[in-house]
Amino acid sequence: MTKRQTPSPVKQHSPWVTADFVAGRTTQLAEIRTSADTIYWLETRAANGGKTTLVAQKNAFPPVT
């Protein structure tokens, strides 16, 4: 007769990628607009306490040749 082995207990660990980790590193974009060669948008970052900032990128469009 064969002796039955008991499975070893599974080690529980805390994953480093948690919901708080992911949510704290997200950036939301809203109200994207263009004007001439500039793009404007609103950025909300969870890492900054949810504050919203107006962001602009000048010369966003390459010249058409």
PDB file of N, CA and C in Angstrom:
ATOM      1  N   MET A   1       0.836  -1.163   0.000  1.00  0.00           N
ATOM      2  CA  MET A   1       0.000   0.000   0.000  1.00  0.00           C
ATOM      3  C   MET A   1       0.892   1.241   0.000  1.00  0.00           C
ATOM      4  N   THR A   2       0.496   2.231  -0.804  1.00  0.00           N
ATOM      5  CA  THR A   2       1.273   3.460  -0.932  1.00  0.00           C
ATOM      6  C   THR A   2       0.822   4.469   0.102  1.00  0.00           C
ATOM      7  N   LYS A   3       1.816   5.120   0.687  1.00  0.00           N
ATOM      8  CA  LYS A   3       1.495   6.146   1.673  1.00  0.00           C
ATOM      9  C   LYS A   3       1.091   7.427   0.948  1.00  0.00           C
ATOM     10  N   ARG A   4      -0.018   7.985   1.315  1.00  0.00           N
ATOM     11  CA  ARG A   4      -0.522   9.199   0.682  1.00  0.00           C
ATOM     12  C   ARG A   4       0.186  10.412   1.281  1.00  0.00           C
ATOM     13  N   GLN A   5       0.669  11.276   0.400  1.00  0.00           N
ATOM     14  CA  GLN A   5       1.336  12.496   0.864  1.00  0.00           C
ATOM     15  C   GLN A   5       0.304  13.592   1.085  1.00  0.00           C
ATOM     16  N   THR A   6       0.490  14.338   2.132  1.00  0.00           N
ATOM     17  CA  THR A   6      -0.382  15.483   2.364  1.00  0.00           C
ATOM     18  C   THR A   6       0.236  16.693   1.679  1.00  0.00           C
ATOM     19  N   PRO A   7      -0.579  17.460   0.980  1.00  0.00           N
ATOM     20  CA  PRO A   7      -0.026  18.628   0.283  1.00  0.00           C
ATOM     21  C   PRO A   7       0.495  19.652   1.282  1.00  0.00           C
ATOM     22  N   SER A   8       1.563  20.298   0.898  1.00  0.00           N
ATOM     23  CA  SER A   8       2.111  21.334   1.765  1.00  0.00           C
ATOM     24  C   SER A   8       1.206  22.560   1.702  1.00  0.00           C
ATOM     25  N   PRO A   9       1.105  23.295   2.791  1.00  0.00           N
ATOM     26  CA  PRO A   9       0.223  24.472   2.790  1.00  0.00           C
ATOM     27  C   PRO A   9       0.727  25.526   1.804  1.00  0.00           C
ATOM     28  N   VAL A  10      -0.199  26.205   1.192  1.00  0.00           N
ATOM     29  CA  VAL A  10       0.145  27.259   0.243  1.00  0.00           C
ATOM     30  C   VAL A  10       0.524  28.503   1.033  1.00  0.00           C
ATOM     31  N   LYS A  11       1.645  29.078   0.677  1.00  0.00           N
ATOM     32  CA  LYS A  11       2.104  30.276   1.364  1.00  0.00           C
ATOM     33  C   LYS A  11       1.327  31.477   0.840  1.00  0.00           C
ATOM     34  N   GLN A  12       0.708  32.189   1.721  1.00  0.00           N
ATOM     35  CA  GLN A  12      -0.033  33.384   1.355  1.00  0.00           C
ATOM     36  C   GLN A  12       0.910  34.584   1.403  1.00  0.00           C
ATOM     37  N   HIS A  13       0.847  35.406   0.408  1.00  0.00           N
ATOM     38  CA  HIS A  13       1.666  36.611   0.408  1.00  0.00           C
ATOM     39  C   HIS A  13       0.841  37.777  -0.092  1.00  0.00           C
ATOM     40  N   SER A  14       1.306  38.931   0.208  1.00  0.00           N
ATOM     41  CA  SER A  14       0.620  40.148  -0.203  1.00  0.00           C
ATOM     42  C   SER A  14       1.169  40.586  -1.559  1.00  0.00           C
ATOM     43  N   PRO A  15       0.325  40.633  -2.592  1.00  0.00           N
ATOM     44  CA  PRO A  15       0.826  41.082  -3.896  1.00  0.00           C
ATOM     45  C   PRO A  15       1.193  42.557  -3.854  1.00  0.00           C
ATOM     46  N   TRP A  16       2.224  42.932  -4.568  1.00  0.00           N
ATOM     47  CA  TRP A  16       2.650  44.334  -4.565  1.00  0.00           C
ATOM     48  C   TRP A  16       1.785  45.181  -5.474  1.00  0.00           C
ATOM     49  N   VAL A  17       1.061  44.575  -6.423  1.00  0.00           N
ATOM     50  CA  VAL A  17       0.170  45.331  -7.302  1.00  0.00           C
ATOM     51  C   VAL A  17      -1.228  45.280  -6.686  1.00  0.00           C
ATOM     52  N   THR A  18      -1.552  46.311  -5.961  1.00  0.00           N
ATOM     53  CA  THR A  18      -2.860  46.392  -5.321  1.00  0.00           C
ATOM     54  C   THR A  18      -3.735  47.392  -6.064  1.00  0.00           C
ATOM     55  N   ALA A  19      -5.012  47.409  -5.738  1.00  0.00           N
ATOM     56  CA  ALA A  19      -5.930  48.365  -6.357  1.00  0.00           C
ATOM     57  C   ALA A  19      -5.500  49.794  -6.047  1.00  0.00           C
ATOM     58  N   ASP A  20      -5.047  50.032  -4.814  1.00  0.00           N
ATOM     59  CA  ASP A  20      -4.585  51.372  -4.444  1.00  0.00           C
ATOM     60  C   ASP A  20      -3.341  51.767  -5.243  1.00  0.00           C
ATOM     61  N   PHE A  21      -2.469  50.814  -5.483  1.00  0.00           N
ATOM     62  CA  PHE A  21      -1.254  51.073  -6.268  1.00  0.00           C
ATOM     63  C   PHE A  21      -1.629  51.512  -7.687  1.00  0.00           C
ATOM     64  N   VAL A  22      -2.535  50.775  -8.310  1.00  0.00           N
ATOM     65  CA  VAL A  22      -2.938  51.096  -9.686  1.00  0.00           C
ATOM     66  C   VAL A  22      -3.723  52.404  -9.730  1.00  0.00           C
ATOM     67  N   ALA A  23      -4.675  52.567  -8.828  1.00  0.00           N
ATOM     68  CA  ALA A  23      -5.507  53.778  -8.832  1.00  0.00           C
ATOM     69  C   ALA A  23      -4.685  55.019  -8.537  1.00  0.00           C
ATOM     70  N   GLY A  24      -3.632  54.889  -7.764  1.00  0.00           N
ATOM     71  CA  GLY A  24      -2.805  56.034  -7.421  1.00  0.00           C
ATOM     72  C   GLY A  24      -1.896  56.475  -8.548  1.00  0.00           C
ATOM     73  N   ARG A  25      -1.850  55.713  -9.626  1.00  0.00           N
ATOM     74  CA  ARG A  25      -0.952  56.042 -10.719  1.00  0.00           C
ATOM     75  C   ARG A  25      -1.701  56.269 -12.037  1.00  0.00           C
ATOM     76  N   THR A  26      -2.974  56.508 -11.952  1.00  0.00           N
ATOM     77  CA  THR A  26      -3.744  56.748 -13.162  1.00  0.00           C
ATOM     78  C   THR A  26      -3.845  58.244 -13.443  1.00  0.00           C
ATOM     79  N   THR A  27      -3.948  58.559 -14.710  1.00  0.00           N
ATOM     80  CA  THR A  27      -4.143  59.936 -15.149  1.00  0.00           C
ATOM     81  C   THR A  27      -5.354  59.958 -16.067  1.00  0.00           C
ATOM     82  N   GLN A  28      -6.294  60.822 -15.770  1.00  0.00           N
ATOM     83  CA  GLN A  28      -7.479  60.965 -16.605  1.00  0.00           C
ATOM     84  C   GLN A  28      -7.317  62.188 -17.492  1.00  0.00           C
ATOM     85  N   LEU A  29      -7.664  62.035 -18.760  1.00  0.00           N
ATOM     86  CA  LEU A  29      -7.621  63.144 -19.716  1.00  0.00           C
ATOM     87  C   LEU A  29      -9.049  63.537 -20.066  1.00  0.00           C
ATOM     88  N   ALA A  30      -9.281  64.834 -20.196  1.00  0.00           N
ATOM     89  CA  ALA A  30     -10.622  65.318 -20.535  1.00  0.00           C
ATOM     90  C   ALA A  30     -10.523  66.612 -21.318  1.00  0.00           C
ATOM     91  N   GLU A  31     -11.615  66.957 -22.000  1.00  0.00           N
ATOM     92  CA  GLU A  31     -11.749  68.240 -22.696  1.00  0.00           C
ATOM     93  C   GLU A  31     -10.577  68.535 -23.641  1.00  0.00           C
ATOM     94  N   ILE A  32     -10.249  67.583 -24.485  1.00  0.00           N
ATOM     95  CA  ILE A  32      -9.136  67.772 -25.428  1.00  0.00           C
ATOM     96  C   ILE A  32      -9.582  68.738 -26.535  1.00  0.00           C
ATOM     97  N   ARG A  33      -8.775  69.780 -26.749  1.00  0.00           N
ATOM     98  CA  ARG A  33      -9.075  70.805 -27.750  1.00  0.00           C
ATOM     99  C   ARG A  33      -7.816  71.144 -28.536  1.00  0.00           C
ATOM    100  N   THR A  34      -7.996  71.678 -29.737  1.00  0.00           N
ATOM    101  CA  THR A  34      -6.866  72.144 -30.537  1.00  0.00           C
ATOM    102  C   THR A  34      -7.108  73.579 -30.960  1.00  0.00           C
ATOM    103  N   SER A  35      -6.010  74.306 -31.136  1.00  0.00           N
ATOM    104  CA  SER A  35      -6.068  75.669 -31.621  1.00  0.00           C
ATOM    105  C   SER A  35      -4.758  75.944 -32.349  1.00  0.00           C
ATOM    106  N   ALA A  36      -4.849  76.166 -33.645  1.00  0.00           N
ATOM    107  CA  ALA A  36      -3.658  76.374 -34.485  1.00  0.00           C
ATOM    108  C   ALA A  36      -2.714  75.186 -34.323  1.00  0.00           C
ATOM    109  N   ASP A  37      -1.544  75.414 -33.732  1.00  0.00           N
ATOM    110  CA  ASP A  37      -0.582  74.309 -33.604  1.00  0.00           C
ATOM    111  C   ASP A  37      -0.452  73.829 -32.158  1.00  0.00           C
ATOM    112  N   THR A  38      -1.471  74.090 -31.328  1.00  0.00           N
ATOM    113  CA  THR A  38      -1.404  73.725 -29.910  1.00  0.00           C
ATOM    114  C   THR A  38      -2.569  72.815 -29.544  1.00  0.00           C
ATOM    115  N   ILE A  39      -2.278  71.808 -28.716  1.00  0.00           N
ATOM    116  CA  ILE A  39      -3.306  70.934 -28.145  1.00  0.00           C
ATOM    117  C   ILE A  39      -3.429  71.291 -26.667  1.00  0.00           C
ATOM    118  N   TYR A  40      -4.683  71.396 -26.191  1.00  0.00           N
ATOM    119  CA  TYR A  40      -4.965  71.666 -24.779  1.00  0.00           C
ATOM    120  C   TYR A  40      -5.793  70.507 -24.232  1.00  0.00           C
ATOM    121  N   TRP A  41      -5.572  70.148 -22.968  1.00  0.00           N
ATOM    122  CA  TRP A  41      -6.397  69.148 -22.318  1.00  0.00           C
ATOM    123  C   TRP A  41      -6.327  69.323 -20.810  1.00  0.00           C
ATOM    124  N   LEU A  42      -7.315  68.727 -20.138  1.00  0.00           N
ATOM    125  CA  LEU A  42      -7.335  68.712 -18.674  1.00  0.00           C
ATOM    126  C   LEU A  42      -6.822  67.357 -18.210  1.00  0.00           C
ATOM    127  N   GLU A  43      -5.926  67.372 -17.223  1.00  0.00           N
ATOM    128  CA  GLU A  43      -5.347  66.156 -16.666  1.00  0.00           C
ATOM    129  C   GLU A  43      -5.691  66.086 -15.189  1.00  0.00           C
ATOM    130  N   THR A  44      -6.235  64.948 -14.763  1.00  0.00           N
ATOM    131  CA  THR A  44      -6.516  64.700 -13.356  1.00  0.00           C
ATOM    132  C   THR A  44      -5.682  63.511 -12.925  1.00  0.00           C
ATOM    133  N   ARG A  45      -4.829  63.722 -11.912  1.00  0.00           N
ATOM    134  CA  ARG A  45      -3.941  62.662 -11.436  1.00  0.00           C
ATOM    135  C   ARG A  45      -4.293  62.299 -10.001  1.00  0.00           C
ATOM    136  N   ALA A  46      -4.527  61.020  -9.783  1.00  0.00           N
ATOM    137  CA  ALA A  46      -4.842  60.539  -8.436  1.00  0.00           C
ATOM    138  C   ALA A  46      -3.673  60.790  -7.491  1.00  0.00           C
ATOM    139  N   ALA A  47      -2.444  60.701  -7.998  1.00  0.00           N
ATOM    140  CA  ALA A  47      -1.260  60.899  -7.167  1.00  0.00           C
ATOM    141  C   ALA A  47      -1.162  62.333  -6.646  1.00  0.00           C
ATOM    142  N   ASN A  48      -1.845  63.268  -7.305  1.00  0.00           N
ATOM    143  CA  ASN A  48      -1.837  64.673  -6.869  1.00  0.00           C
ATOM    144  C   ASN A  48      -3.108  65.020  -6.114  1.00  0.00           C
ATOM    145  N   GLY A  49      -3.717  64.046  -5.516  1.00  0.00           N
ATOM    146  CA  GLY A  49      -4.927  64.300  -4.734  1.00  0.00           C
ATOM    147  C   GLY A  49      -6.141  64.573  -5.599  1.00  0.00           C
ATOM    148  N   GLY A  50      -6.107  64.165  -6.858  1.00  0.00           N
ATOM    149  CA  GLY A  50      -7.248  64.358  -7.747  1.00  0.00           C
ATOM    150  C   GLY A  50      -7.370  65.766  -8.302  1.00  0.00           C
ATOM    151  N   LYS A  51      -6.333  66.568  -8.171  1.00  0.00           N
ATOM    152  CA  LYS A  51      -6.366  67.937  -8.703  1.00  0.00           C
ATOM    153  C   LYS A  51      -6.344  67.905 -10.230  1.00  0.00           C
ATOM    154  N   THR A  52      -7.036  68.839 -10.833  1.00  0.00           N
ATOM    155  CA  THR A  52      -7.104  68.941 -12.291  1.00  0.00           C
ATOM    156  C   THR A  52      -6.218  70.082 -12.756  1.00  0.00           C
ATOM    157  N   THR A  53      -5.449  69.821 -13.809  1.00  0.00           N
ATOM    158  CA  THR A  53      -4.504  70.803 -14.343  1.00  0.00           C
ATOM    159  C   THR A  53      -4.743  70.978 -15.835  1.00  0.00           C
ATOM    160  N   LEU A  54      -4.696  72.224 -16.300  1.00  0.00           N
ATOM    161  CA  LEU A  54      -4.764  72.507 -17.728  1.00  0.00           C
ATOM    162  C   LEU A  54      -3.363  72.321 -18.304  1.00  0.00           C
ATOM    163  N   VAL A  55      -3.256  71.489 -19.345  1.00  0.00           N
ATOM    164  CA  VAL A  55      -1.968  71.185 -19.966  1.00  0.00           C
ATOM    165  C   VAL A  55      -2.036  71.613 -21.431  1.00  0.00           C
ATOM    166  N   ALA A  56      -0.920  72.114 -21.955  1.00  0.00           N
ATOM    167  CA  ALA A  56      -0.850  72.520 -23.363  1.00  0.00           C
ATOM    168  C   ALA A  56       0.442  72.005 -23.980  1.00  0.00           C
ATOM    169  N   GLN A  57       0.347  71.612 -25.244  1.00  0.00           N
ATOM    170  CA  GLN A  57       1.532  71.189 -25.996  1.00  0.00           C
ATOM    171  C   GLN A  57       1.585  72.029 -27.266  1.00  0.00           C
ATOM    172  N   LYS A  58       2.556  72.949 -27.304  1.00  0.00           N
ATOM    173  CA  LYS A  58       2.723  73.793 -28.498  1.00  0.00           C
ATOM    174  C   LYS A  58       3.474  73.020 -29.568  1.00  0.00           C
ATOM    175  N   ASN A  59       3.329  73.466 -30.801  1.00  0.00           N
ATOM    176  CA  ASN A  59       3.960  72.823 -31.948  1.00  0.00           C
ATOM    177  C   ASN A  59       3.643  71.330 -31.991  1.00  0.00           C
ATOM    178  N   ALA A  60       2.398  71.003 -31.697  1.00  0.00           N
ATOM    179  CA  ALA A  60       1.985  69.618 -31.620  1.00  0.00           C
ATOM    180  C   ALA A  60       1.815  68.965 -32.991  1.00  0.00           C
ATOM    181  N   PHE A  61       1.664  69.777 -34.000  1.00  0.00           N
ATOM    182  CA  PHE A  61       1.418  69.247 -35.332  1.00  0.00           C
ATOM    183  C   PHE A  61       2.621  69.523 -36.225  1.00  0.00           C
ATOM    184  N   PRO A  62       3.132  68.491 -36.896  1.00  0.00           N
ATOM    185  CA  PRO A  62       4.266  68.728 -37.789  1.00  0.00           C
ATOM    186  C   PRO A  62       3.828  69.582 -38.993  1.00  0.00           C
ATOM    187  N   PRO A  63       4.743  70.354 -39.533  1.00  0.00           N
ATOM    188  CA  PRO A  63       4.379  71.162 -40.695  1.00  0.00           C
ATOM    189  C   PRO A  63       4.051  70.281 -41.904  1.00  0.00           C
ATOM    190  N   VAL A  64       3.077  70.703 -42.648  1.00  0.00           N
ATOM    191  CA  VAL A  64       2.686  69.975 -43.857  1.00  0.00           C
ATOM    192  C   VAL A  64       3.519  70.478 -45.018  1.00  0.00           C
ATOM    193  N   THR A  65       4.168  69.565 -45.720  1.00  0.00           N
ATOM    194  CA  THR A  65       5.002  69.976 -46.850  1.00  0.00           C
ATOM    195  C   THR A  65       4.412  69.523 -48.155  1.00  0.00           C
TER     196      THR A  65
END
